[in-house]
Amino acid sequence: MLIPIIGWMLFGLLIGAVARLLVPGPQPMGLLMTMLLGVAGSFTGGFVAYLIFGGTPFQAVGWIGSLIGAVALLLIAQRTSRRTTV
């Protein structure tokens, strides 16, 4: 039971880190938020694949689908949280 959770955490950390490397600009987040970004990106990629190809809403989409989902979430987060400095 604990092994799949650790696997999700490591996968999320790796996908989140790669997504942060691909998206330019500062992303002020630590390891936990990077891991959550990767896991949320995986769910997002799976849901988009479900909408396009069918299947189940929470399907595994692999590395590329997870990375696309994480990059999309990171770009959305950057666009919605722009702060202006005076």
N, C-alpha and C. Protein backbone atom coordinates (compact mmCIF):
# COMPACT_ATOMS: atom_id res chain seq x y z
N MET A 1 0.82 -1.20 0.00
CA MET A 1 0.00 0.00 0.00
C MET A 1 0.86 1.26 0.00
N LEU A 2 1.97 1.24 0.70
CA LEU A 2 2.83 2.41 0.78
C LEU A 2 3.68 2.59 -0.47
N ILE A 3 4.03 1.50 -1.13
CA ILE A 3 4.89 1.56 -2.30
C ILE A 3 4.26 2.35 -3.45
N PRO A 4 2.97 2.17 -3.79
CA PRO A 4 2.39 2.98 -4.87
C PRO A 4 2.36 4.47 -4.53
N ILE A 5 2.15 4.81 -3.26
CA ILE A 5 2.12 6.22 -2.87
C ILE A 5 3.50 6.84 -3.03
N ILE A 6 4.53 6.11 -2.65
CA ILE A 6 5.90 6.62 -2.82
C ILE A 6 6.23 6.74 -4.30
N GLY A 7 5.75 5.79 -5.10
CA GLY A 7 5.96 5.86 -6.55
C GLY A 7 5.29 7.09 -7.15
N TRP A 8 4.05 7.39 -6.73
CA TRP A 8 3.36 8.59 -7.21
C TRP A 8 4.12 9.85 -6.81
N MET A 9 4.65 9.85 -5.58
CA MET A 9 5.38 11.02 -5.10
C MET A 9 6.66 11.25 -5.92
N LEU A 10 7.40 10.19 -6.18
CA LEU A 10 8.63 10.32 -6.97
C LEU A 10 8.32 10.71 -8.41
N PHE A 11 7.30 10.08 -8.99
CA PHE A 11 6.90 10.42 -10.35
C PHE A 11 6.46 11.88 -10.44
N GLY A 12 5.67 12.32 -9.46
CA GLY A 12 5.22 13.71 -9.43
C GLY A 12 6.37 14.68 -9.28
N LEU A 13 7.34 14.33 -8.44
CA LEU A 13 8.50 15.20 -8.26
C LEU A 13 9.31 15.32 -9.55
N LEU A 14 9.50 14.21 -10.22
CA LEU A 14 10.25 14.23 -11.48
C LEU A 14 9.51 15.01 -12.57
N ILE A 15 8.23 14.75 -12.74
CA ILE A 15 7.44 15.45 -13.76
C ILE A 15 7.35 16.94 -13.43
N GLY A 16 7.13 17.27 -12.16
CA GLY A 16 7.06 18.67 -11.75
C GLY A 16 8.37 19.40 -11.98
N ALA A 17 9.49 18.74 -11.70
CA ALA A 17 10.80 19.37 -11.90
C ALA A 17 11.07 19.61 -13.39
N VAL A 18 10.74 18.65 -14.23
CA VAL A 18 10.95 18.82 -15.67
C VAL A 18 10.04 19.92 -16.21
N ALA A 19 8.80 19.97 -15.73
CA ALA A 19 7.88 21.03 -16.17
C ALA A 19 8.41 22.40 -15.77
N ARG A 20 8.97 22.51 -14.56
CA ARG A 20 9.53 23.79 -14.13
C ARG A 20 10.75 24.17 -14.95
N LEU A 21 11.51 23.20 -15.41
CA LEU A 21 12.66 23.50 -16.28
C LEU A 21 12.22 23.97 -17.66
N LEU A 22 11.10 23.45 -18.15
CA LEU A 22 10.64 23.79 -19.49
C LEU A 22 9.93 25.14 -19.56
N VAL A 23 9.34 25.59 -18.46
CA VAL A 23 8.59 26.84 -18.45
C VAL A 23 9.51 27.96 -17.98
N PRO A 24 9.73 28.98 -18.81
CA PRO A 24 10.63 30.06 -18.40
C PRO A 24 9.99 30.95 -17.33
N GLY A 25 10.82 31.62 -16.60
CA GLY A 25 10.34 32.54 -15.57
C GLY A 25 10.47 31.93 -14.19
N PRO A 26 10.32 32.77 -13.19
CA PRO A 26 10.45 32.27 -11.81
C PRO A 26 9.21 31.52 -11.37
N GLN A 27 9.44 30.43 -10.68
CA GLN A 27 8.36 29.66 -10.07
C GLN A 27 8.72 29.46 -8.61
N PRO A 28 8.23 30.35 -7.75
CA PRO A 28 8.59 30.25 -6.33
C PRO A 28 7.83 29.12 -5.62
N MET A 29 8.34 27.91 -5.74
CA MET A 29 7.71 26.77 -5.07
C MET A 29 8.79 25.82 -4.61
N GLY A 30 8.52 25.13 -3.54
CA GLY A 30 9.46 24.17 -2.99
C GLY A 30 9.24 22.78 -3.55
N LEU A 31 9.87 21.80 -2.88
CA LEU A 31 9.78 20.42 -3.35
C LEU A 31 8.36 19.87 -3.25
N LEU A 32 7.66 20.19 -2.19
CA LEU A 32 6.31 19.67 -2.02
C LEU A 32 5.37 20.19 -3.11
N MET A 33 5.45 21.49 -3.40
CA MET A 33 4.61 22.06 -4.45
C MET A 33 5.01 21.53 -5.83
N THR A 34 6.30 21.28 -6.04
CA THR A 34 6.75 20.70 -7.31
C THR A 34 6.19 19.30 -7.46
N MET A 35 6.18 18.54 -6.37
CA MET A 35 5.62 17.19 -6.41
C MET A 35 4.11 17.24 -6.69
N LEU A 36 3.42 18.13 -6.02
CA LEU A 36 1.98 18.26 -6.25
C LEU A 36 1.68 18.74 -7.66
N LEU A 37 2.53 19.59 -8.21
CA LEU A 37 2.38 20.02 -9.61
C LEU A 37 2.46 18.83 -10.55
N GLY A 38 3.43 17.95 -10.33
CA GLY A 38 3.58 16.77 -11.18
C GLY A 38 2.41 15.81 -11.07
N VAL A 39 1.93 15.59 -9.86
CA VAL A 39 0.79 14.67 -9.66
C VAL A 39 -0.47 15.28 -10.27
N ALA A 40 -0.70 16.57 -10.03
CA ALA A 40 -1.88 17.23 -10.62
C ALA A 40 -1.77 17.26 -12.14
N GLY A 41 -0.57 17.44 -12.67
CA GLY A 41 -0.37 17.41 -14.11
C GLY A 41 -0.68 16.05 -14.69
N SER A 42 -0.37 15.01 -13.95
CA SER A 42 -0.68 13.66 -14.41
C SER A 42 -2.19 13.44 -14.48
N PHE A 43 -2.91 13.91 -13.45
CA PHE A 43 -4.37 13.79 -13.47
C PHE A 43 -4.97 14.65 -14.59
N THR A 44 -4.43 15.83 -14.79
CA THR A 44 -4.92 16.72 -15.85
C THR A 44 -4.69 16.10 -17.22
N GLY A 45 -3.49 15.57 -17.43
CA GLY A 45 -3.19 14.92 -18.70
C GLY A 45 -4.09 13.71 -18.95
N GLY A 46 -4.37 12.95 -17.90
CA GLY A 46 -5.26 11.79 -18.03
C GLY A 46 -6.68 12.20 -18.37
N PHE A 47 -7.15 13.30 -17.76
CA PHE A 47 -8.51 13.75 -18.04
C PHE A 47 -8.63 14.29 -19.46
N VAL A 48 -7.61 15.02 -19.93
CA VAL A 48 -7.64 15.54 -21.30
C VAL A 48 -7.59 14.37 -22.29
N ALA A 49 -6.80 13.36 -22.00
CA ALA A 49 -6.75 12.18 -22.87
C ALA A 49 -8.10 11.47 -22.89
N TYR A 50 -8.79 11.45 -21.75
CA TYR A 50 -10.14 10.88 -21.69
C TYR A 50 -11.10 11.66 -22.59
N LEU A 51 -11.01 12.98 -22.55
CA LEU A 51 -11.90 13.80 -23.38
C LEU A 51 -11.63 13.60 -24.87
N ILE A 52 -10.38 13.39 -25.22
CA ILE A 52 -10.01 13.26 -26.64
C ILE A 52 -10.22 11.82 -27.14
N PHE A 53 -9.71 10.85 -26.39
CA PHE A 53 -9.68 9.48 -26.88
C PHE A 53 -10.69 8.55 -26.24
N GLY A 54 -11.31 8.96 -25.14
CA GLY A 54 -12.23 8.08 -24.43
C GLY A 54 -11.49 7.29 -23.37
N GLY A 55 -12.13 6.28 -22.85
CA GLY A 55 -11.54 5.48 -21.78
C GLY A 55 -12.14 5.86 -20.46
N THR A 56 -11.30 5.98 -19.44
CA THR A 56 -11.76 6.38 -18.11
C THR A 56 -11.18 7.76 -17.77
N PRO A 57 -11.86 8.55 -16.95
CA PRO A 57 -11.37 9.89 -16.62
C PRO A 57 -10.04 9.89 -15.88
N PHE A 58 -9.76 8.86 -15.10
CA PHE A 58 -8.51 8.81 -14.34
C PHE A 58 -7.59 7.73 -14.88
N GLN A 59 -7.29 7.82 -16.17
CA GLN A 59 -6.43 6.83 -16.79
C GLN A 59 -4.98 7.29 -16.76
N ALA A 60 -4.08 6.34 -16.84
CA ALA A 60 -2.65 6.65 -16.89
C ALA A 60 -2.29 7.11 -18.29
N VAL A 61 -1.59 8.22 -18.40
CA VAL A 61 -1.24 8.73 -19.72
C VAL A 61 0.25 8.67 -19.96
N GLY A 62 1.04 8.28 -18.99
CA GLY A 62 2.47 8.15 -19.19
C GLY A 62 3.20 9.46 -18.99
N TRP A 63 4.46 9.42 -19.35
CA TRP A 63 5.35 10.55 -19.11
C TRP A 63 4.95 11.79 -19.90
N ILE A 64 4.68 11.62 -21.17
CA ILE A 64 4.42 12.78 -22.03
C ILE A 64 3.11 13.46 -21.67
N GLY A 65 2.06 12.69 -21.47
CA GLY A 65 0.77 13.27 -21.09
C GLY A 65 0.85 13.97 -19.74
N SER A 66 1.57 13.38 -18.80
CA SER A 66 1.74 13.99 -17.49
C SER A 66 2.53 15.28 -17.59
N LEU A 67 3.56 15.27 -18.41
CA LEU A 67 4.38 16.47 -18.58
C LEU A 67 3.59 17.59 -19.25
N ILE A 68 2.80 17.26 -20.25
CA ILE A 68 1.97 18.27 -20.91
C ILE A 68 0.96 18.85 -19.92
N GLY A 69 0.35 18.01 -19.11
CA GLY A 69 -0.58 18.48 -18.10
C GLY A 69 0.08 19.38 -17.07
N ALA A 70 1.28 19.02 -16.62
CA ALA A 70 1.99 19.82 -15.62
C ALA A 70 2.42 21.16 -16.19
N VAL A 71 2.90 21.16 -17.43
CA VAL A 71 3.29 22.43 -18.07
C VAL A 71 2.07 23.33 -18.24
N ALA A 72 0.95 22.75 -18.63
CA ALA A 72 -0.28 23.54 -18.79
C ALA A 72 -0.71 24.15 -17.46
N LEU A 73 -0.68 23.36 -16.39
CA LEU A 73 -1.05 23.88 -15.08
C LEU A 73 -0.09 24.97 -14.61
N LEU A 74 1.19 24.79 -14.88
CA LEU A 74 2.18 25.80 -14.48
C LEU A 74 1.98 27.10 -15.25
N LEU A 75 1.69 27.00 -16.54
CA LEU A 75 1.44 28.20 -17.32
C LEU A 75 0.18 28.92 -16.86
N ILE A 76 -0.86 28.15 -16.54
CA ILE A 76 -2.10 28.76 -16.03
C ILE A 76 -1.83 29.45 -14.70
N ALA A 77 -1.06 28.81 -13.83
CA ALA A 77 -0.75 29.40 -12.53
C ALA A 77 0.06 30.69 -12.70
N GLN A 78 1.00 30.69 -13.64
CA GLN A 78 1.79 31.90 -13.87
C GLN A 78 0.93 33.03 -14.41
N ARG A 79 0.04 32.73 -15.32
CA ARG A 79 -0.81 33.76 -15.92
C ARG A 79 -1.81 34.35 -14.93
N THR A 80 -2.31 33.52 -14.03
CA THR A 80 -3.33 34.01 -13.10
C THR A 80 -2.73 34.69 -11.87
N SER A 81 -1.46 34.46 -11.58
CA SER A 81 -0.88 35.05 -10.38
C SER A 81 0.21 36.05 -10.69
N ARG A 82 0.05 36.78 -11.78
CA ARG A 82 1.04 37.83 -12.11
C ARG A 82 0.93 38.94 -11.09
N ARG A 83 2.08 39.29 -10.53
CA ARG A 83 2.13 40.39 -9.57
C ARG A 83 2.93 41.53 -10.17
N THR A 84 2.42 42.72 -10.00
CA THR A 84 3.16 43.88 -10.48
C THR A 84 3.94 44.47 -9.33
N THR A 85 5.18 44.85 -9.60
CA THR A 85 6.00 45.46 -8.58
C THR A 85 6.05 46.97 -8.84
N VAL A 86 5.96 47.71 -7.79
CA VAL A 86 5.96 49.16 -7.92
C VAL A 86 7.28 49.71 -7.49
